[in-house]
Protein backbone atom coordinates (compact mmCIF):
# COMPACT_ATOMS: atom_id res chain seq x y z
CA MET A 1 0.00 0.00 0.00
CA ALA A 2 1.47 3.34 -0.98
CA ILE A 3 0.76 6.87 -2.14
CA ASN A 4 2.28 7.63 -5.54
CA LYS A 5 3.06 11.34 -4.99
CA LYS A 6 4.52 13.59 -2.29
CA ILE A 7 1.91 15.97 -0.84
CA LEU A 8 3.12 19.57 -0.65
CA LEU A 9 1.26 21.95 1.65
CA SER A 10 2.25 24.85 -0.59
CA GLU A 11 0.06 23.51 -3.43
CA PRO A 12 -3.65 24.56 -3.47
CA LYS A 13 -4.61 20.95 -4.25
CA THR A 14 -2.81 17.72 -5.02
CA GLU A 15 -4.33 14.82 -6.92
CA PHE A 16 -2.71 11.47 -6.15
CA ASP A 17 -3.36 7.76 -6.30
CA VAL A 18 -3.16 5.20 -3.51
CA THR A 19 -2.11 1.68 -4.40
CA ILE A 20 -3.77 -0.82 -2.07
CA THR A 21 -2.89 -4.52 -1.98
CA GLY A 22 -5.67 -6.57 -3.55
CA PHE A 23 -7.06 -3.73 -5.65
CA ALA A 24 -6.79 -4.06 -9.43
CA HIS A 25 -6.38 -0.28 -9.88
CA PRO A 26 -5.04 2.60 -7.75
CA VAL A 27 -7.62 4.65 -5.82
CA PRO A 28 -7.88 8.27 -7.11
CA CYS A 29 -7.62 10.85 -4.29
CA ILE A 30 -7.38 14.60 -3.80
CA PHE A 31 -5.73 16.60 -1.00
CA LEU A 32 -6.71 20.16 -0.07
CA PRO A 33 -4.34 21.70 2.49
CA ALA A 34 -5.62 23.66 5.49
CA THR A 35 -5.12 27.42 5.61
CA ASN A 36 -2.75 26.85 8.52
CA PRO A 37 -0.07 24.36 7.38
CA ASN A 38 0.72 23.40 11.00
CA VAL A 39 -2.61 21.70 11.76
CA ASP A 40 -2.49 18.05 12.76
CA ALA A 41 -5.98 17.05 11.61
CA VAL A 42 -7.33 15.68 8.36
CA VAL A 43 -10.95 15.29 7.32
CA ILE A 44 -11.72 12.47 4.92
CA TYR A 45 -14.73 13.25 2.76
CA LEU A 46 -16.90 10.30 1.72
CA HIS A 47 -19.17 11.19 -1.20
CA GLY A 48 -22.58 9.76 -1.92
CA LEU A 49 -23.35 6.94 -4.32
CA ASN A 50 -22.28 7.82 -7.87
CA GLY A 51 -20.43 10.89 -6.55
CA SER A 52 -16.72 11.53 -6.75
CA LYS A 53 -13.77 12.96 -4.84
CA ASP A 54 -14.34 16.26 -6.63
CA SER A 55 -17.55 16.84 -4.65
CA LEU A 56 -15.48 18.00 -1.68
CA HIS A 57 -14.50 21.48 -2.89
CA PHE A 58 -17.39 23.16 -1.05
CA LEU A 59 -15.77 22.09 2.24
CA ARG A 60 -12.77 24.36 1.73
CA ARG A 61 -14.90 27.44 2.58
CA HIS A 62 -15.99 25.88 5.87
CA LEU A 63 -12.95 23.94 7.05
CA THR A 64 -9.84 26.01 7.58
CA ASN A 65 -8.28 24.14 10.50
CA ALA A 66 -8.00 20.74 8.86
CA HIS A 67 -6.57 19.27 5.70
CA ILE A 68 -9.21 17.63 3.49
CA ILE A 69 -8.84 14.38 1.58
CA GLY A 70 -11.40 12.93 -0.78
CA TYR A 71 -11.30 9.68 -2.72
CA ASP A 72 -13.35 7.98 -5.39
CA ALA A 73 -15.09 4.99 -3.82
CA ARG A 74 -15.35 1.78 -5.84
CA ALA A 75 -17.51 2.13 -8.96
CA CYS A 76 -17.56 5.94 -8.56
CA GLY A 77 -15.64 8.76 -10.22
CA LYS A 78 -12.44 7.40 -11.75
CA ASN A 79 -12.23 4.32 -9.49
CA ASN A 80 -12.47 1.21 -11.67
CA ASN A 81 -11.94 -1.42 -8.98
CA ALA A 82 -15.45 -2.91 -9.12
CA PRO A 83 -18.70 -2.48 -11.03
CA SER A 84 -20.60 -2.14 -7.73
CA VAL A 85 -19.92 -1.89 -4.01
CA HIS A 86 -21.46 -3.11 -0.77
CA VAL A 87 -21.36 -1.14 2.47
CA SER A 88 -19.11 -3.65 4.24
CA GLN A 89 -16.69 -3.56 1.31
CA ALA A 90 -16.67 0.27 1.37
CA VAL A 91 -15.94 0.23 5.13
CA ASN A 92 -13.02 -2.14 4.57
CA ASP A 93 -11.75 0.04 1.71
CA LEU A 94 -11.85 3.09 4.00
CA TYR A 95 -9.92 1.20 6.67
CA LEU A 96 -7.17 0.28 4.19
CA LEU A 97 -7.07 3.84 2.87
CA ILE A 98 -6.73 5.35 6.37
CA GLN A 99 -3.94 2.91 7.26
CA THR A 100 -2.06 3.91 4.10
CA LEU A 101 -2.57 7.63 4.78
CA LYS A 102 -1.29 7.25 8.35
CA GLN A 103 1.80 5.44 7.11
CA ASP A 104 2.62 7.56 4.06
CA LEU A 105 1.67 11.02 5.34
CA HIS A 106 3.56 10.82 8.65
CA TYR A 107 5.79 13.69 7.48
CA LEU A 108 2.74 16.03 7.59
CA ASN A 109 2.43 15.38 11.35
CA ILE A 110 -1.22 14.32 11.05
CA LYS A 111 -2.45 12.97 14.37
CA ARG A 112 -6.24 13.23 14.14
CA PHE A 113 -8.62 11.85 11.50
CA TYR A 114 -12.26 12.83 11.06
CA LEU A 115 -14.90 11.66 8.59
CA ILE A 116 -17.48 13.70 6.73
CA GLY A 117 -20.00 11.53 4.93
CA GLU A 118 -22.84 12.33 2.59
CA SER A 119 -25.62 9.84 1.76
CA PHE A 120 -23.92 6.47 1.07
CA GLY A 121 -20.73 8.01 2.48
CA ALA A 122 -22.67 8.82 5.67
CA ALA A 123 -23.65 5.16 6.02
CA VAL A 124 -20.04 4.07 5.48
CA SER A 125 -18.82 6.63 8.06
CA LEU A 126 -21.34 5.49 10.66
CA ILE A 127 -20.57 1.80 10.24
CA TYR A 128 -16.83 2.52 10.18
CA CYS A 129 -16.99 4.32 13.53
CA ASN A 130 -18.99 1.46 14.99
CA LYS A 131 -16.27 -1.01 13.94
CA TYR A 132 -13.03 0.99 14.37
CA THR A 133 -11.81 3.55 16.91
CA ASP A 134 -9.09 5.36 14.95
CA VAL A 135 -11.11 8.45 13.96
CA GLN A 136 -11.88 11.25 16.40
CA GLY A 137 -15.32 12.18 15.06
CA ILE A 138 -17.77 12.19 12.19
CA LEU A 139 -20.20 14.57 10.56
CA ILE A 140 -22.89 12.99 8.41
CA TRP A 141 -25.88 14.22 6.45
CA ASN A 142 -28.49 12.80 4.12
CA LEU A 143 -28.14 9.38 5.75
CA PRO A 144 -30.23 6.73 3.98
CA CYS A 145 -33.17 5.76 6.20
CA LYS A 146 -32.39 2.07 5.76
CA ILE A 147 -28.98 0.51 5.29
CA ILE A 148 -29.00 -3.06 4.05
CA ASP A 149 -25.81 -4.77 3.05
CA VAL A 150 -26.83 -7.92 1.22
CA THR A 151 -23.47 -9.54 1.94
CA ASP A 152 -24.33 -9.64 5.69
CA THR A 153 -28.10 -10.06 5.45
CA PRO A 154 -30.06 -13.34 5.28
CA LYS A 155 -31.85 -13.83 1.95
CA SER A 156 -35.24 -13.45 3.65
CA GLN A 157 -34.34 -9.88 4.71
CA GLN A 158 -32.67 -8.71 1.50
CA LEU A 159 -34.19 -5.74 -0.26
CA LYS A 160 -35.93 -6.69 -3.50
CA VAL A 161 -35.78 -4.26 -6.43
């Protein structure tokens, strides 16, 4: 697992890819530095279904004391790792991404991770925080009223379309 490009805080934005073991293709990401380059927090933006990492630009106006990272989830944006994605798979992908960011961005002195999730990204954020304890907080909106992951649900309870 590795990031393919050095992140420079002097750049207004940096697009980079993360290579994750077991993925057929690198994961496209974007980094927006905080106004204050000495902050030790990063917010990871999780877009909604069929969204992309580029949906995060509105956050820059509101978040000045944290770096912002967005990524294209499987089957979204420029991520070609799967034709579809399940919630549990997206949670595992986020875990692998965070572990890579912690390892490869140590030179930025990032100590705190937060999640901001929208729609499907809100569901992933919520389930992630229920399973792992390595993020300090989440902000979610437009949470789907029902989250069913057919990989973990008995056939009798699966949603029929």
